PDB file of N, CA and C in Angstrom:
ATOM      1  N   UNK A   1      89.151-110.910 -32.469  1.00  0.00           N
ATOM      2  CA  UNK A   1      87.917-110.231 -33.004  1.00  0.00           C
ATOM      3  C   UNK A   1      86.578-110.501 -32.403  1.00  0.00           C
ATOM      4  N   UNK A   2      86.842-112.054 -32.048  1.00  0.00           N
ATOM      5  CA  UNK A   2      84.671-111.896 -31.769  1.00  0.00           C
ATOM      6  C   UNK A   2      84.351-111.425 -30.352  1.00  0.00           C
ATOM      7  N   UNK A   3      85.856-111.080 -29.409  1.00  0.00           N
ATOM      8  CA  UNK A   3      85.603-109.978 -28.385  1.00  0.00           C
ATOM      9  C   UNK A   3      85.072-108.806 -28.504  1.00  0.00           C
ATOM     10  N   UNK A   4      85.456-108.170 -29.733  1.00  0.00           N
ATOM     11  CA  UNK A   4      84.895-106.854 -29.805  1.00  0.00           C
ATOM     12  C   UNK A   4      83.959-106.879 -30.943  1.00  0.00           C
ATOM     13  N   UNK A   5      83.665-108.471 -31.339  1.00  0.00           N
ATOM     14  CA  UNK A   5      82.309-108.055 -32.381  1.00  0.00           C
ATOM     15  C   UNK A   5      81.247-108.339 -31.309  1.00  0.00           C
ATOM     16  N   UNK A   6      81.442-109.230 -30.396  1.00  0.00           N
ATOM     17  CA  UNK A   6      79.926-109.803 -29.610  1.00  0.00           C
ATOM     18  C   UNK A   6      79.329-108.584 -29.040  1.00  0.00           C
ATOM     19  N   UNK A   7      80.062-107.473 -28.188  1.00  0.00           N
ATOM     20  CA  UNK A   7      79.488-106.386 -27.567  1.00  0.00           C
ATOM     21  C   UNK A   7      78.663-105.404 -28.625  1.00  0.00           C
ATOM     22  N   UNK A   8      79.244-105.159 -29.729  1.00  0.00           N
ATOM     23  CA  UNK A   8      78.837-104.361 -30.390  1.00  0.00           C
ATOM     24  C   UNK A   8      77.219-104.153 -30.801  1.00  0.00           C
ATOM     25  N   UNK A   9      77.127-105.388 -31.285  1.00  0.00           N
ATOM     26  CA  UNK A   9      75.286-105.578 -31.567  1.00  0.00           C
ATOM     27  C   UNK A   9      74.487-105.058 -30.189  1.00  0.00           C
ATOM     28  N   UNK A  10      75.088-105.582 -28.989  1.00  0.00           N
ATOM     29  CA  UNK A  10      74.441-105.463 -27.442  1.00  0.00           C
ATOM     30  C   UNK A  10      74.403-103.847 -27.611  1.00  0.00           C
ATOM     31  N   UNK A  11      75.673-103.464 -27.737  1.00  0.00           N
ATOM     32  CA  UNK A  11      76.082-101.579 -27.324  1.00  0.00           C
ATOM     33  C   UNK A  11      75.323-100.721 -28.055  1.00  0.00           C
ATOM     34  N   UNK A  12      74.770-101.028 -29.520  1.00  0.00           N
ATOM     35  CA  UNK A  12      74.497-100.089 -30.558  1.00  0.00           C
ATOM     36  C   UNK A  12      72.742 -99.644 -29.925  1.00  0.00           C
ATOM     37  N   UNK A  13      72.302-100.476 -29.818  1.00  0.00           N
ATOM     38  CA  UNK A  13      70.997-100.227 -29.224  1.00  0.00           C
ATOM     39  C   UNK A  13      70.650 -99.667 -28.179  1.00  0.00           C
ATOM     40  N   UNK A  14      71.393 -99.827 -27.150  1.00  0.00           N
ATOM     41  CA  UNK A  14      71.455 -99.329 -25.621  1.00  0.00           C
ATOM     42  C   UNK A  14      71.858 -97.901 -26.177  1.00  0.00           C
ATOM     43  N   UNK A  15      72.935 -97.463 -26.749  1.00  0.00           N
ATOM     44  CA  UNK A  15      73.688 -96.409 -26.960  1.00  0.00           C
ATOM     45  C   UNK A  15      72.640 -95.376 -27.987  1.00  0.00           C
ATOM     46  N   UNK A  16      72.199 -96.217 -28.880  1.00  0.00           N
ATOM     47  CA  UNK A  16      70.583 -95.293 -29.581  1.00  0.00           C
ATOM     48  C   UNK A  16      69.723 -94.955 -28.484  1.00  0.00           C
ATOM     49  N   UNK A  17      69.164 -95.936 -27.730  1.00  0.00           N
ATOM     50  CA  UNK A  17      68.247 -95.644 -26.498  1.00  0.00           C
ATOM     51  C   UNK A  17      68.553 -94.442 -25.821  1.00  0.00           C
ATOM     52  N   UNK A  18      69.922 -94.573 -25.345  1.00  0.00           N
ATOM     53  CA  UNK A  18      70.042 -93.613 -24.494  1.00  0.00           C
ATOM     54  C   UNK A  18      70.030 -92.064 -25.171  1.00  0.00           C
ATOM     55  N   UNK A  19      70.479 -92.082 -26.759  1.00  0.00           N
ATOM     56  CA  UNK A  19      70.597 -91.171 -27.547  1.00  0.00           C
ATOM     57  C   UNK A  19      69.305 -90.197 -27.713  1.00  0.00           C
ATOM     58  N   UNK A  20      68.251 -91.315 -27.933  1.00  0.00           N
ATOM     59  CA  UNK A  20      66.914 -90.859 -28.121  1.00  0.00           C
ATOM     60  C   UNK A  20      66.445 -90.257 -26.555  1.00  0.00           C
ATOM     61  N   UNK A  21      66.665 -91.256 -25.842  1.00  0.00           N
ATOM     62  CA  UNK A  21      66.199 -90.247 -24.298  1.00  0.00           C
ATOM     63  C   UNK A  21      66.366 -88.961 -24.137  1.00  0.00           C
ATOM     64  N   UNK A  22      68.156 -88.882 -24.341  1.00  0.00           N
ATOM     65  CA  UNK A  22      68.259 -87.393 -24.164  1.00  0.00           C
ATOM     66  C   UNK A  22      67.649 -86.330 -24.836  1.00  0.00           C
ATOM     67  N   UNK A  23      67.327 -87.091 -26.278  1.00  0.00           N
ATOM     68  CA  UNK A  23      67.054 -86.093 -27.224  1.00  0.00           C
ATOM     69  C   UNK A  23      65.568 -85.828 -26.610  1.00  0.00           C
ATOM     70  N   UNK A  24      64.716 -86.721 -26.211  1.00  0.00           N
ATOM     71  CA  UNK A  24      63.580 -86.181 -26.016  1.00  0.00           C
ATOM     72  C   UNK A  24      63.534 -85.469 -24.691  1.00  0.00           C
ATOM     73  N   UNK A  25      64.314 -86.034 -23.645  1.00  0.00           N
ATOM     74  CA  UNK A  25      64.310 -84.747 -22.507  1.00  0.00           C
ATOM     75  C   UNK A  25      64.668 -83.057 -22.986  1.00  0.00           C
ATOM     76  N   UNK A  26      65.935 -83.129 -23.568  1.00  0.00           N
ATOM     77  CA  UNK A  26      66.068 -81.959 -23.906  1.00  0.00           C
ATOM     78  C   UNK A  26      65.027 -81.262 -24.875  1.00  0.00           C
ATOM     79  N   UNK A  27      64.371 -81.897 -25.713  1.00  0.00           N
ATOM     80  CA  UNK A  27      62.905 -81.420 -26.411  1.00  0.00           C
ATOM     81  C   UNK A  27      62.088 -80.734 -25.613  1.00  0.00           C
ATOM     82  N   UNK A  28      61.838 -81.740 -24.380  1.00  0.00           N
ATOM     83  CA  UNK A  28      60.995 -81.312 -23.684  1.00  0.00           C
ATOM     84  C   UNK A  28      61.154 -79.821 -22.692  1.00  0.00           C
ATOM     85  N   UNK A  29      62.360 -79.859 -22.303  1.00  0.00           N
ATOM     86  CA  UNK A  29      62.893 -79.076 -21.424  1.00  0.00           C
ATOM     87  C   UNK A  29      62.649 -77.365 -22.320  1.00  0.00           C
ATOM     88  N   UNK A  30      62.913 -77.599 -23.865  1.00  0.00           N
ATOM     89  CA  UNK A  30      63.270 -76.689 -24.646  1.00  0.00           C
ATOM     90  C   UNK A  30      61.673 -76.202 -24.869  1.00  0.00           C
ATOM     91  N   UNK A  31      60.911 -76.968 -24.897  1.00  0.00           N
ATOM     92  CA  UNK A  31      59.342 -76.843 -25.136  1.00  0.00           C
ATOM     93  C   UNK A  31      58.920 -75.967 -24.018  1.00  0.00           C
ATOM     94  N   UNK A  32      59.125 -76.433 -22.542  1.00  0.00           N
ATOM     95  CA  UNK A  32      58.666 -75.854 -21.248  1.00  0.00           C
ATOM     96  C   UNK A  32      59.416 -74.481 -21.026  1.00  0.00           C
ATOM     97  N   UNK A  33      60.627 -74.357 -21.738  1.00  0.00           N
ATOM     98  CA  UNK A  33      61.165 -73.354 -21.304  1.00  0.00           C
ATOM     99  C   UNK A  33      60.764 -72.141 -22.694  1.00  0.00           C
ATOM    100  N   UNK A  34      60.034 -72.319 -23.854  1.00  0.00           N
ATOM    101  CA  UNK A  34      59.275 -71.954 -24.616  1.00  0.00           C
ATOM    102  C   UNK A  34      57.669 -71.381 -24.311  1.00  0.00           C
ATOM    103  N   UNK A  35      57.355 -72.423 -23.577  1.00  0.00           N
ATOM    104  CA  UNK A  35      55.805 -72.305 -22.914  1.00  0.00           C
ATOM    105  C   UNK A  35      56.170 -70.862 -21.744  1.00  0.00           C
ATOM    106  N   UNK A  36      57.399 -71.101 -21.029  1.00  0.00           N
ATOM    107  CA  UNK A  36      57.499 -70.223 -20.120  1.00  0.00           C
ATOM    108  C   UNK A  36      57.664 -68.929 -20.504  1.00  0.00           C
ATOM    109  N   UNK A  37      58.280 -68.835 -21.636  1.00  0.00           N
ATOM    110  CA  UNK A  37      58.573 -67.334 -22.350  1.00  0.00           C
ATOM    111  C   UNK A  37      57.254 -66.900 -23.143  1.00  0.00           C
ATOM    112  N   UNK A  38      56.589 -67.807 -23.671  1.00  0.00           N
ATOM    113  CA  UNK A  38      55.037 -67.704 -24.318  1.00  0.00           C
ATOM    114  C   UNK A  38      54.267 -66.944 -23.210  1.00  0.00           C
ATOM    115  N   UNK A  39      53.849 -67.558 -22.319  1.00  0.00           N
ATOM    116  CA  UNK A  39      53.137 -67.414 -21.050  1.00  0.00           C
ATOM    117  C   UNK A  39      53.604 -66.301 -19.999  1.00  0.00           C
TER     118      UNK A  39
END
């Protein structure tokens, strides 16, 4: 139980950070594409 419990609190912020980072990159790419279409 302790082996499965210990990594969870450590892995959760890392996973969330990676998800947010990917989301920001995806939004930035979409904005660049939108600007490219507008201009």
